[in-house]
Amino acid sequence: MKYITDFDRDVTDHSLRRAYQKISDSDGLLVFVDDDIKSEGMLVEIGFAYKKVPIYLCKKEGLGNNRFEDLASSTAFWNDEGCISEVVGQLIKD
């Protein structure tokens, strides 16, 4: 699997085109959610990925419903940062 790890922070036409290309070239999109704040860039990337690749959602236990679960191919919840790598491994294994 290929993973996207280097998105630019500012949302410009260039960075969006770059994100779209990386998503299109990837086997899936791993979305890590540890708070209820959603950025416009995150929403755009998830929306674009929805029809292109599987979305793997790794979400902190107890957060409100941000509707990402509805778009995700697979969702796992975590409550201890020490177990995140295990949760991610299970997500992409399934």
PDB file of N, CA and C in Angstrom:
ATOM      1  N   MET A   1       0.827  -1.189   0.000  1.00  0.00           N
ATOM      2  CA  MET A   1       0.000   0.000   0.000  1.00  0.00           C
ATOM      3  C   MET A   1       0.864   1.242   0.000  1.00  0.00           C
ATOM      4  N   LYS A   2       0.376   2.275  -0.639  1.00  0.00           N
ATOM      5  CA  LYS A   2       1.042   3.570  -0.615  1.00  0.00           C
ATOM      6  C   LYS A   2       0.294   4.452   0.368  1.00  0.00           C
ATOM      7  N   TYR A   3       1.017   5.253   1.109  1.00  0.00           N
ATOM      8  CA  TYR A   3       0.407   6.130   2.103  1.00  0.00           C
ATOM      9  C   TYR A   3       0.762   7.579   1.809  1.00  0.00           C
ATOM     10  N   ILE A   4      -0.169   8.463   2.056  1.00  0.00           N
ATOM     11  CA  ILE A   4       0.056   9.890   1.876  1.00  0.00           C
ATOM     12  C   ILE A   4       0.424  10.460   3.235  1.00  0.00           C
ATOM     13  N   THR A   5       1.592  11.074   3.307  1.00  0.00           N
ATOM     14  CA  THR A   5       2.039  11.589   4.603  1.00  0.00           C
ATOM     15  C   THR A   5       2.497  13.035   4.547  1.00  0.00           C
ATOM     16  N   ASP A   6       2.437  13.645   3.376  1.00  0.00           N
ATOM     17  CA  ASP A   6       3.082  14.948   3.257  1.00  0.00           C
ATOM     18  C   ASP A   6       2.217  16.009   2.590  1.00  0.00           C
ATOM     19  N   PHE A   7       0.961  16.136   2.988  1.00  0.00           N
ATOM     20  CA  PHE A   7       0.112  17.192   2.445  1.00  0.00           C
ATOM     21  C   PHE A   7       0.601  18.557   2.898  1.00  0.00           C
ATOM     22  N   ASP A   8       0.524  19.524   2.004  1.00  0.00           N
ATOM     23  CA  ASP A   8       0.838  20.903   2.376  1.00  0.00           C
ATOM     24  C   ASP A   8      -0.260  21.432   3.281  1.00  0.00           C
ATOM     25  N   ARG A   9       0.076  22.327   4.178  1.00  0.00           N
ATOM     26  CA  ARG A   9      -0.922  22.865   5.100  1.00  0.00           C
ATOM     27  C   ARG A   9      -1.820  23.898   4.430  1.00  0.00           C
ATOM     28  N   ASP A  10      -1.268  24.752   3.590  1.00  0.00           N
ATOM     29  CA  ASP A  10      -2.133  25.759   2.983  1.00  0.00           C
ATOM     30  C   ASP A  10      -2.885  25.158   1.803  1.00  0.00           C
ATOM     31  N   VAL A  11      -4.153  25.514   1.698  1.00  0.00           N
ATOM     32  CA  VAL A  11      -5.000  24.944   0.659  1.00  0.00           C
ATOM     33  C   VAL A  11      -4.989  25.886  -0.541  1.00  0.00           C
ATOM     34  N   THR A  12      -4.141  25.570  -1.481  1.00  0.00           N
ATOM     35  CA  THR A  12      -4.049  26.332  -2.719  1.00  0.00           C
ATOM     36  C   THR A  12      -4.392  25.408  -3.865  1.00  0.00           C
ATOM     37  N   ASP A  13      -4.575  25.983  -5.053  1.00  0.00           N
ATOM     38  CA  ASP A  13      -4.848  25.135  -6.218  1.00  0.00           C
ATOM     39  C   ASP A  13      -3.752  24.100  -6.404  1.00  0.00           C
ATOM     40  N   HIS A  14      -2.509  24.532  -6.231  1.00  0.00           N
ATOM     41  CA  HIS A  14      -1.385  23.606  -6.404  1.00  0.00           C
ATOM     42  C   HIS A  14      -1.446  22.455  -5.403  1.00  0.00           C
ATOM     43  N   SER A  15      -1.673  22.768  -4.141  1.00  0.00           N
ATOM     44  CA  SER A  15      -1.670  21.706  -3.138  1.00  0.00           C
ATOM     45  C   SER A  15      -2.883  20.793  -3.292  1.00  0.00           C
ATOM     46  N   LEU A  16      -4.015  21.333  -3.721  1.00  0.00           N
ATOM     47  CA  LEU A  16      -5.175  20.471  -3.960  1.00  0.00           C
ATOM     48  C   LEU A  16      -4.926  19.542  -5.147  1.00  0.00           C
ATOM     49  N   ARG A  17      -4.368  20.070  -6.218  1.00  0.00           N
ATOM     50  CA  ARG A  17      -4.046  19.197  -7.362  1.00  0.00           C
ATOM     51  C   ARG A  17      -3.071  18.105  -6.932  1.00  0.00           C
ATOM     52  N   ARG A  18      -2.095  18.489  -6.124  1.00  0.00           N
ATOM     53  CA  ARG A  18      -1.117  17.528  -5.629  1.00  0.00           C
ATOM     54  C   ARG A  18      -1.807  16.470  -4.751  1.00  0.00           C
ATOM     55  N   ALA A  19      -2.694  16.906  -3.867  1.00  0.00           N
ATOM     56  CA  ALA A  19      -3.427  15.966  -3.013  1.00  0.00           C
ATOM     57  C   ALA A  19      -4.289  15.032  -3.850  1.00  0.00           C
ATOM     58  N   TYR A  20      -5.009  15.572  -4.828  1.00  0.00           N
ATOM     59  CA  TYR A  20      -5.853  14.741  -5.691  1.00  0.00           C
ATOM     60  C   TYR A  20      -5.016  13.693  -6.415  1.00  0.00           C
ATOM     61  N   GLN A  21      -3.849  14.101  -6.912  1.00  0.00           N
ATOM     62  CA  GLN A  21      -2.994  13.155  -7.622  1.00  0.00           C
ATOM     63  C   GLN A  21      -2.489  12.066  -6.683  1.00  0.00           C
ATOM     64  N   LYS A  22      -2.070  12.446  -5.479  1.00  0.00           N
ATOM     65  CA  LYS A  22      -1.574  11.452  -4.523  1.00  0.00           C
ATOM     66  C   LYS A  22      -2.682  10.488  -4.099  1.00  0.00           C
ATOM     67  N   ILE A  23      -3.880  11.005  -3.893  1.00  0.00           N
ATOM     68  CA  ILE A  23      -5.005  10.142  -3.539  1.00  0.00           C
ATOM     69  C   ILE A  23      -5.305   9.177  -4.683  1.00  0.00           C
ATOM     70  N   SER A  24      -5.341   9.698  -5.906  1.00  0.00           N
ATOM     71  CA  SER A  24      -5.620   8.858  -7.074  1.00  0.00           C
ATOM     72  C   SER A  24      -4.570   7.770  -7.250  1.00  0.00           C
ATOM     73  N   ASP A  25      -3.323   8.051  -6.897  1.00  0.00           N
ATOM     74  CA  ASP A  25      -2.229   7.089  -7.041  1.00  0.00           C
ATOM     75  C   ASP A  25      -2.123   6.121  -5.864  1.00  0.00           C
ATOM     76  N   SER A  26      -2.933   6.305  -4.847  1.00  0.00           N
ATOM     77  CA  SER A  26      -2.829   5.507  -3.621  1.00  0.00           C
ATOM     78  C   SER A  26      -3.833   4.363  -3.600  1.00  0.00           C
ATOM     79  N   ASP A  27      -3.575   3.418  -2.720  1.00  0.00           N
ATOM     80  CA  ASP A  27      -4.467   2.278  -2.533  1.00  0.00           C
ATOM     81  C   ASP A  27      -5.577   2.581  -1.539  1.00  0.00           C
ATOM     82  N   GLY A  28      -5.452   3.675  -0.805  1.00  0.00           N
ATOM     83  CA  GLY A  28      -6.457   4.050   0.179  1.00  0.00           C
ATOM     84  C   GLY A  28      -6.045   5.327   0.882  1.00  0.00           C
ATOM     85  N   LEU A  29      -6.980   5.902   1.624  1.00  0.00           N
ATOM     86  CA  LEU A  29      -6.719   7.118   2.387  1.00  0.00           C
ATOM     87  C   LEU A  29      -6.950   6.823   3.863  1.00  0.00           C
ATOM     88  N   LEU A  30      -5.917   7.001   4.667  1.00  0.00           N
ATOM     89  CA  LEU A  30      -6.023   6.830   6.109  1.00  0.00           C
ATOM     90  C   LEU A  30      -6.352   8.183   6.715  1.00  0.00           C
ATOM     91  N   VAL A  31      -7.484   8.258   7.407  1.00  0.00           N
ATOM     92  CA  VAL A  31      -7.923   9.496   8.049  1.00  0.00           C
ATOM     93  C   VAL A  31      -7.802   9.299   9.550  1.00  0.00           C
ATOM     94  N   PHE A  32      -6.986  10.132  10.173  1.00  0.00           N
ATOM     95  CA  PHE A  32      -6.747  10.064  11.609  1.00  0.00           C
ATOM     96  C   PHE A  32      -7.467  11.238  12.253  1.00  0.00           C
ATOM     97  N   VAL A  33      -8.428  10.953  13.146  1.00  0.00           N
ATOM     98  CA  VAL A  33      -9.225  11.999  13.785  1.00  0.00           C
ATOM     99  C   VAL A  33      -9.040  11.908  15.293  1.00  0.00           C
ATOM    100  N   ASP A  34      -8.496  13.002  15.875  1.00  0.00           N
ATOM    101  CA  ASP A  34      -8.297  13.010  17.326  1.00  0.00           C
ATOM    102  C   ASP A  34      -8.983  14.185  18.017  1.00  0.00           C
ATOM    103  N   ASP A  35      -9.777  14.951  17.248  1.00  0.00           N
ATOM    104  CA  ASP A  35     -10.599  16.008  17.844  1.00  0.00           C
ATOM    105  C   ASP A  35     -11.792  16.277  16.930  1.00  0.00           C
ATOM    106  N   ASP A  36     -12.704  17.115  17.375  1.00  0.00           N
ATOM    107  CA  ASP A  36     -13.917  17.384  16.604  1.00  0.00           C
ATOM    108  C   ASP A  36     -13.751  18.482  15.564  1.00  0.00           C
ATOM    109  N   ILE A  37     -12.558  19.038  15.441  1.00  0.00           N
ATOM    110  CA  ILE A  37     -12.319  20.118  14.481  1.00  0.00           C
ATOM    111  C   ILE A  37     -12.051  19.517  13.107  1.00  0.00           C
ATOM    112  N   LYS A  38     -12.765  20.001  12.095  1.00  0.00           N
ATOM    113  CA  LYS A  38     -12.582  19.541  10.723  1.00  0.00           C
ATOM    114  C   LYS A  38     -12.117  20.722   9.880  1.00  0.00           C
ATOM    115  N   SER A  39     -11.030  20.559   9.171  1.00  0.00           N
ATOM    116  CA  SER A  39     -10.563  21.618   8.293  1.00  0.00           C
ATOM    117  C   SER A  39     -11.212  21.457   6.920  1.00  0.00           C
ATOM    118  N   GLU A  40     -11.252  22.556   6.177  1.00  0.00           N
ATOM    119  CA  GLU A  40     -11.798  22.497   4.818  1.00  0.00           C
ATOM    120  C   GLU A  40     -10.979  21.547   3.955  1.00  0.00           C
ATOM    121  N   GLY A  41      -9.661  21.583   4.133  1.00  0.00           N
ATOM    122  CA  GLY A  41      -8.796  20.703   3.350  1.00  0.00           C
ATOM    123  C   GLY A  41      -9.079  19.239   3.615  1.00  0.00           C
ATOM    124  N   MET A  42      -9.283  18.894   4.872  1.00  0.00           N
ATOM    125  CA  MET A  42      -9.592  17.507   5.228  1.00  0.00           C
ATOM    126  C   MET A  42     -10.913  17.072   4.593  1.00  0.00           C
ATOM    127  N   LEU A  43     -11.912  17.934   4.647  1.00  0.00           N
ATOM    128  CA  LEU A  43     -13.211  17.615   4.057  1.00  0.00           C
ATOM    129  C   LEU A  43     -13.111  17.425   2.547  1.00  0.00           C
ATOM    130  N   VAL A  44     -12.356  18.288   1.891  1.00  0.00           N
ATOM    131  CA  VAL A  44     -12.188  18.196   0.434  1.00  0.00           C
ATOM    132  C   VAL A  44     -11.467  16.902   0.068  1.00  0.00           C
ATOM    133  N   GLU A  45     -10.400  16.581   0.782  1.00  0.00           N
ATOM    134  CA  GLU A  45      -9.639  15.369   0.488  1.00  0.00           C
ATOM    135  C   GLU A  45     -10.482  14.108   0.698  1.00  0.00           C
ATOM    136  N   ILE A  46     -11.240  14.066   1.778  1.00  0.00           N
ATOM    137  CA  ILE A  46     -12.093  12.906   2.037  1.00  0.00           C
ATOM    138  C   ILE A  46     -13.197  12.809   0.987  1.00  0.00           C
ATOM    139  N   GLY A  47     -13.787  13.942   0.638  1.00  0.00           N
ATOM    140  CA  GLY A  47     -14.819  13.940  -0.404  1.00  0.00           C
ATOM    141  C   GLY A  47     -14.279  13.452  -1.732  1.00  0.00           C
ATOM    142  N   PHE A  48     -13.102  13.887  -2.092  1.00  0.00           N
ATOM    143  CA  PHE A  48     -12.483  13.440  -3.349  1.00  0.00           C
ATOM    144  C   PHE A  48     -12.184  11.950  -3.296  1.00  0.00           C
ATOM    145  N   ALA A  49     -11.637  11.485  -2.179  1.00  0.00           N
ATOM    146  CA  ALA A  49     -11.254  10.077  -2.044  1.00  0.00           C
ATOM    147  C   ALA A  49     -12.458   9.143  -2.043  1.00  0.00           C
ATOM    148  N   TYR A  50     -13.606   9.644  -1.629  1.00  0.00           N
ATOM    149  CA  TYR A  50     -14.793   8.805  -1.441  1.00  0.00           C
ATOM    150  C   TYR A  50     -15.104   7.949  -2.673  1.00  0.00           C
ATOM    151  N   LYS A  51     -15.008   8.504  -3.851  1.00  0.00           N
ATOM    152  CA  LYS A  51     -15.312   7.747  -5.079  1.00  0.00           C
ATOM    153  C   LYS A  51     -14.078   7.126  -5.722  1.00  0.00           C
ATOM    154  N   LYS A  52     -12.906   7.393  -5.157  1.00  0.00           N
ATOM    155  CA  LYS A  52     -11.666   6.933  -5.788  1.00  0.00           C
ATOM    156  C   LYS A  52     -11.023   5.727  -5.104  1.00  0.00           C
ATOM    157  N   VAL A  53     -10.909   5.795  -3.778  1.00  0.00           N
ATOM    158  CA  VAL A  53     -10.157   4.775  -3.033  1.00  0.00           C
ATOM    159  C   VAL A  53     -10.867   4.481  -1.713  1.00  0.00           C
ATOM    160  N   PRO A  54     -10.567   3.360  -1.094  1.00  0.00           N
ATOM    161  CA  PRO A  54     -11.138   3.095   0.235  1.00  0.00           C
ATOM    162  C   PRO A  54     -10.644   4.136   1.244  1.00  0.00           C
ATOM    163  N   ILE A  55     -11.509   4.492   2.175  1.00  0.00           N
ATOM    164  CA  ILE A  55     -11.164   5.428   3.244  1.00  0.00           C
ATOM    165  C   ILE A  55     -11.130   4.641   4.546  1.00  0.00           C
ATOM    166  N   TYR A  56      -9.985   4.695   5.224  1.00  0.00           N
ATOM    167  CA  TYR A  56      -9.798   4.020   6.495  1.00  0.00           C
ATOM    168  C   TYR A  56      -9.801   5.078   7.590  1.00  0.00           C
ATOM    169  N   LEU A  57     -10.779   5.020   8.467  1.00  0.00           N
ATOM    170  CA  LEU A  57     -10.941   6.023   9.509  1.00  0.00           C
ATOM    171  C   LEU A  57     -10.450   5.485  10.846  1.00  0.00           C
ATOM    172  N   CYS A  58      -9.520   6.198  11.437  1.00  0.00           N
ATOM    173  CA  CYS A  58      -8.997   5.882  12.768  1.00  0.00           C
ATOM    174  C   CYS A  58      -9.393   7.053  13.657  1.00  0.00           C
ATOM    175  N   LYS A  59     -10.395   6.840  14.507  1.00  0.00           N
ATOM    176  CA  LYS A  59     -11.018   7.938  15.250  1.00  0.00           C
ATOM    177  C   LYS A  59     -10.903   7.720  16.751  1.00  0.00           C
ATOM    178  N   LYS A  60     -10.609   8.801  17.465  1.00  0.00           N
ATOM    179  CA  LYS A  60     -10.515   8.738  18.918  1.00  0.00           C
ATOM    180  C   LYS A  60     -11.889   8.455  19.514  1.00  0.00           C
ATOM    181  N   GLU A  61     -11.924   7.518  20.433  1.00  0.00           N
ATOM    182  CA  GLU A  61     -13.155   7.129  21.132  1.00  0.00           C
ATOM    183  C   GLU A  61     -13.779   8.341  21.822  1.00  0.00           C
ATOM    184  N   GLY A  62     -15.091   8.460  21.749  1.00  0.00           N
ATOM    185  CA  GLY A  62     -15.807   9.497  22.476  1.00  0.00           C
ATOM    186  C   GLY A  62     -16.025  10.795  21.726  1.00  0.00           C
ATOM    187  N   LEU A  63     -15.483  10.928  20.531  1.00  0.00           N
ATOM    188  CA  LEU A  63     -15.721  12.142  19.756  1.00  0.00           C
ATOM    189  C   LEU A  63     -17.130  12.105  19.171  1.00  0.00           C
ATOM    190  N   GLY A  64     -17.670  13.260  18.870  1.00  0.00           N
ATOM    191  CA  GLY A  64     -18.991  13.331  18.262  1.00  0.00           C
ATOM    192  C   GLY A  64     -18.986  12.764  16.855  1.00  0.00           C
ATOM    193  N   ASN A  65     -20.166  12.582  16.308  1.00  0.00           N
ATOM    194  CA  ASN A  65     -20.297  12.074  14.948  1.00  0.00           C
ATOM    195  C   ASN A  65     -19.978  13.197  13.974  1.00  0.00           C
ATOM    196  N   ASN A  66     -18.909  13.024  13.199  1.00  0.00           N
ATOM    197  CA  ASN A  66     -18.546  14.024  12.204  1.00  0.00           C
ATOM    198  C   ASN A  66     -18.879  13.565  10.793  1.00  0.00           C
ATOM    199  N   ARG A  67     -19.652  12.524  10.692  1.00  0.00           N
ATOM    200  CA  ARG A  67     -20.123  11.958   9.427  1.00  0.00           C
ATOM    201  C   ARG A  67     -19.045  11.235   8.636  1.00  0.00           C
ATOM    202  N   PHE A  68     -17.805  11.244   9.106  1.00  0.00           N
ATOM    203  CA  PHE A  68     -16.756  10.520   8.401  1.00  0.00           C
ATOM    204  C   PHE A  68     -17.034   9.023   8.404  1.00  0.00           C
ATOM    205  N   GLU A  69     -17.676   8.527   9.474  1.00  0.00           N
ATOM    206  CA  GLU A  69     -17.992   7.097   9.534  1.00  0.00           C
ATOM    207  C   GLU A  69     -18.873   6.683   8.355  1.00  0.00           C
ATOM    208  N   ASP A  70     -19.738   7.596   7.906  1.00  0.00           N
ATOM    209  CA  ASP A  70     -20.623   7.286   6.787  1.00  0.00           C
ATOM    210  C   ASP A  70     -19.857   7.137   5.475  1.00  0.00           C
ATOM    211  N   LEU A  71     -18.724   7.787   5.362  1.00  0.00           N
ATOM    212  CA  LEU A  71     -17.930   7.751   4.140  1.00  0.00           C
ATOM    213  C   LEU A  71     -16.835   6.694   4.168  1.00  0.00           C
ATOM    214  N   ALA A  72     -16.479   6.245   5.354  1.00  0.00           N
ATOM    215  CA  ALA A  72     -15.350   5.332   5.504  1.00  0.00           C
ATOM    216  C   ALA A  72     -15.689   3.913   5.071  1.00  0.00           C
ATOM    217  N   SER A  73     -14.722   3.275   4.453  1.00  0.00           N
ATOM    218  CA  SER A  73     -14.838   1.857   4.103  1.00  0.00           C
ATOM    219  C   SER A  73     -14.689   1.004   5.351  1.00  0.00           C
ATOM    220  N   SER A  74     -13.886   1.496   6.279  1.00  0.00           N
ATOM    221  CA  SER A  74     -13.619   0.779   7.517  1.00  0.00           C
ATOM    222  C   SER A  74     -13.286   1.801   8.597  1.00  0.00           C
ATOM    223  N   THR A  75     -13.772   1.554   9.824  1.00  0.00           N
ATOM    224  CA  THR A  75     -13.549   2.481  10.931  1.00  0.00           C
ATOM    225  C   THR A  75     -13.073   1.714  12.153  1.00  0.00           C
ATOM    226  N   ALA A  76     -12.115   2.288  12.837  1.00  0.00           N
ATOM    227  CA  ALA A  76     -11.656   1.732  14.111  1.00  0.00           C
ATOM    228  C   ALA A  76     -11.514   2.887  15.095  1.00  0.00           C
ATOM    229  N   PHE A  77     -11.778   2.596  16.345  1.00  0.00           N
ATOM    230  CA  PHE A  77     -11.712   3.610  17.392  1.00  0.00           C
ATOM    231  C   PHE A  77     -10.558   3.304  18.333  1.00  0.00           C
ATOM    232  N   TRP A  78      -9.944   4.338  18.869  1.00  0.00           N
ATOM    233  CA  TRP A  78      -8.853   4.193  19.827  1.00  0.00           C
ATOM    234  C   TRP A  78      -9.100   5.124  21.001  1.00  0.00           C
ATOM    235  N   ASN A  79      -8.570   4.759  22.156  1.00  0.00           N
ATOM    236  CA  ASN A  79      -8.676   5.635  23.326  1.00  0.00           C
ATOM    237  C   ASN A  79      -7.343   5.843  24.014  1.00  0.00           C
ATOM    238  N   ASP A  80      -6.319   5.138  23.559  1.00  0.00           N
ATOM    239  CA  ASP A  80      -4.982   5.265  24.123  1.00  0.00           C
ATOM    240  C   ASP A  80      -4.000   5.416  22.966  1.00  0.00           C
ATOM    241  N   GLU A  81      -3.236   6.495  22.966  1.00  0.00           N
ATOM    242  CA  GLU A  81      -2.304   6.738  21.865  1.00  0.00           C
ATOM    243  C   GLU A  81      -1.311   5.602  21.682  1.00  0.00           C
ATOM    244  N   GLY A  82      -1.065   4.844  22.714  1.00  0.00           N
ATOM    245  CA  GLY A  82      -0.132   3.732  22.629  1.00  0.00           C
ATOM    246  C   GLY A  82      -0.607   2.595  21.742  1.00  0.00           C
ATOM    247  N   CYS A  83      -1.900   2.534  21.463  1.00  0.00           N
ATOM    248  CA  CYS A  83      -2.432   1.431  20.654  1.00  0.00           C
ATOM    249  C   CYS A  83      -2.777   1.857  19.227  1.00  0.00           C
ATOM    250  N   ILE A  84      -2.438   3.072  18.840  1.00  0.00           N
ATOM    251  CA  ILE A  84      -2.815   3.571  17.513  1.00  0.00           C
ATOM    252  C   ILE A  84      -2.223   2.720  16.396  1.00  0.00           C
ATOM    253  N   SER A  85      -0.957   2.351  16.475  1.00  0.00           N
ATOM    254  CA  SER A  85      -0.360   1.578  15.392  1.00  0.00           C
ATOM    255  C   SER A  85      -1.052   0.226  15.239  1.00  0.00           C
ATOM    256  N   GLU A  86      -1.457  -0.376  16.341  1.00  0.00           N
ATOM    257  CA  GLU A  86      -2.189  -1.650  16.284  1.00  0.00           C
ATOM    258  C   GLU A  86      -3.567  -1.454  15.628  1.00  0.00           C
ATOM    259  N   VAL A  87      -4.239  -0.377  15.982  1.00  0.00           N
ATOM    260  CA  VAL A  87      -5.563  -0.074  15.416  1.00  0.00           C
ATOM    261  C   VAL A  87      -5.443   0.183  13.911  1.00  0.00           C
ATOM    262  N   VAL A  88      -4.448   0.949  13.503  1.00  0.00           N
ATOM    263  CA  VAL A  88      -4.226   1.224  12.075  1.00  0.00           C
ATOM    264  C   VAL A  88      -3.915  -0.068  11.337  1.00  0.00           C
ATOM    265  N   GLY A  89      -3.068  -0.899  11.916  1.00  0.00           N
ATOM    266  CA  GLY A  89      -2.741  -2.182  11.291  1.00  0.00           C
ATOM    267  C   GLY A  89      -3.973  -3.040  11.074  1.00  0.00           C
ATOM    268  N   GLN A  90      -4.864  -3.056  12.031  1.00  0.00           N
ATOM    269  CA  GLN A  90      -6.105  -3.830  11.907  1.00  0.00           C
ATOM    270  C   GLN A  90      -7.012  -3.234  10.837  1.00  0.00           C
ATOM    271  N   LEU A  91      -7.071  -1.908  10.779  1.00  0.00           N
ATOM    272  CA  LEU A  91      -7.905  -1.223   9.783  1.00  0.00           C
ATOM    273  C   LEU A  91      -7.528  -1.607   8.364  1.00  0.00           C
ATOM    274  N   ILE A  92      -6.258  -1.501   8.054  1.00  0.00           N
ATOM    275  CA  ILE A  92      -5.846  -1.734   6.665  1.00  0.00           C
ATOM    276  C   ILE A  92      -5.708  -3.222   6.352  1.00  0.00           C
ATOM    277  N   LYS A  93      -5.687  -4.057   7.383  1.00  0.00           N
ATOM    278  CA  LYS A  93      -5.645  -5.509   7.178  1.00  0.00           C
ATOM    279  C   LYS A  93      -7.016  -6.022   6.733  1.00  0.00           C
ATOM    280  N   ASP A  94      -8.076  -5.457   7.309  1.00  0.00           N
ATOM    281  CA  ASP A  94      -9.444  -5.930   7.034  1.00  0.00           C
ATOM    282  C   ASP A  94      -9.858  -5.656   5.654  1.00  0.00           C
TER     283      ASP A  94
END
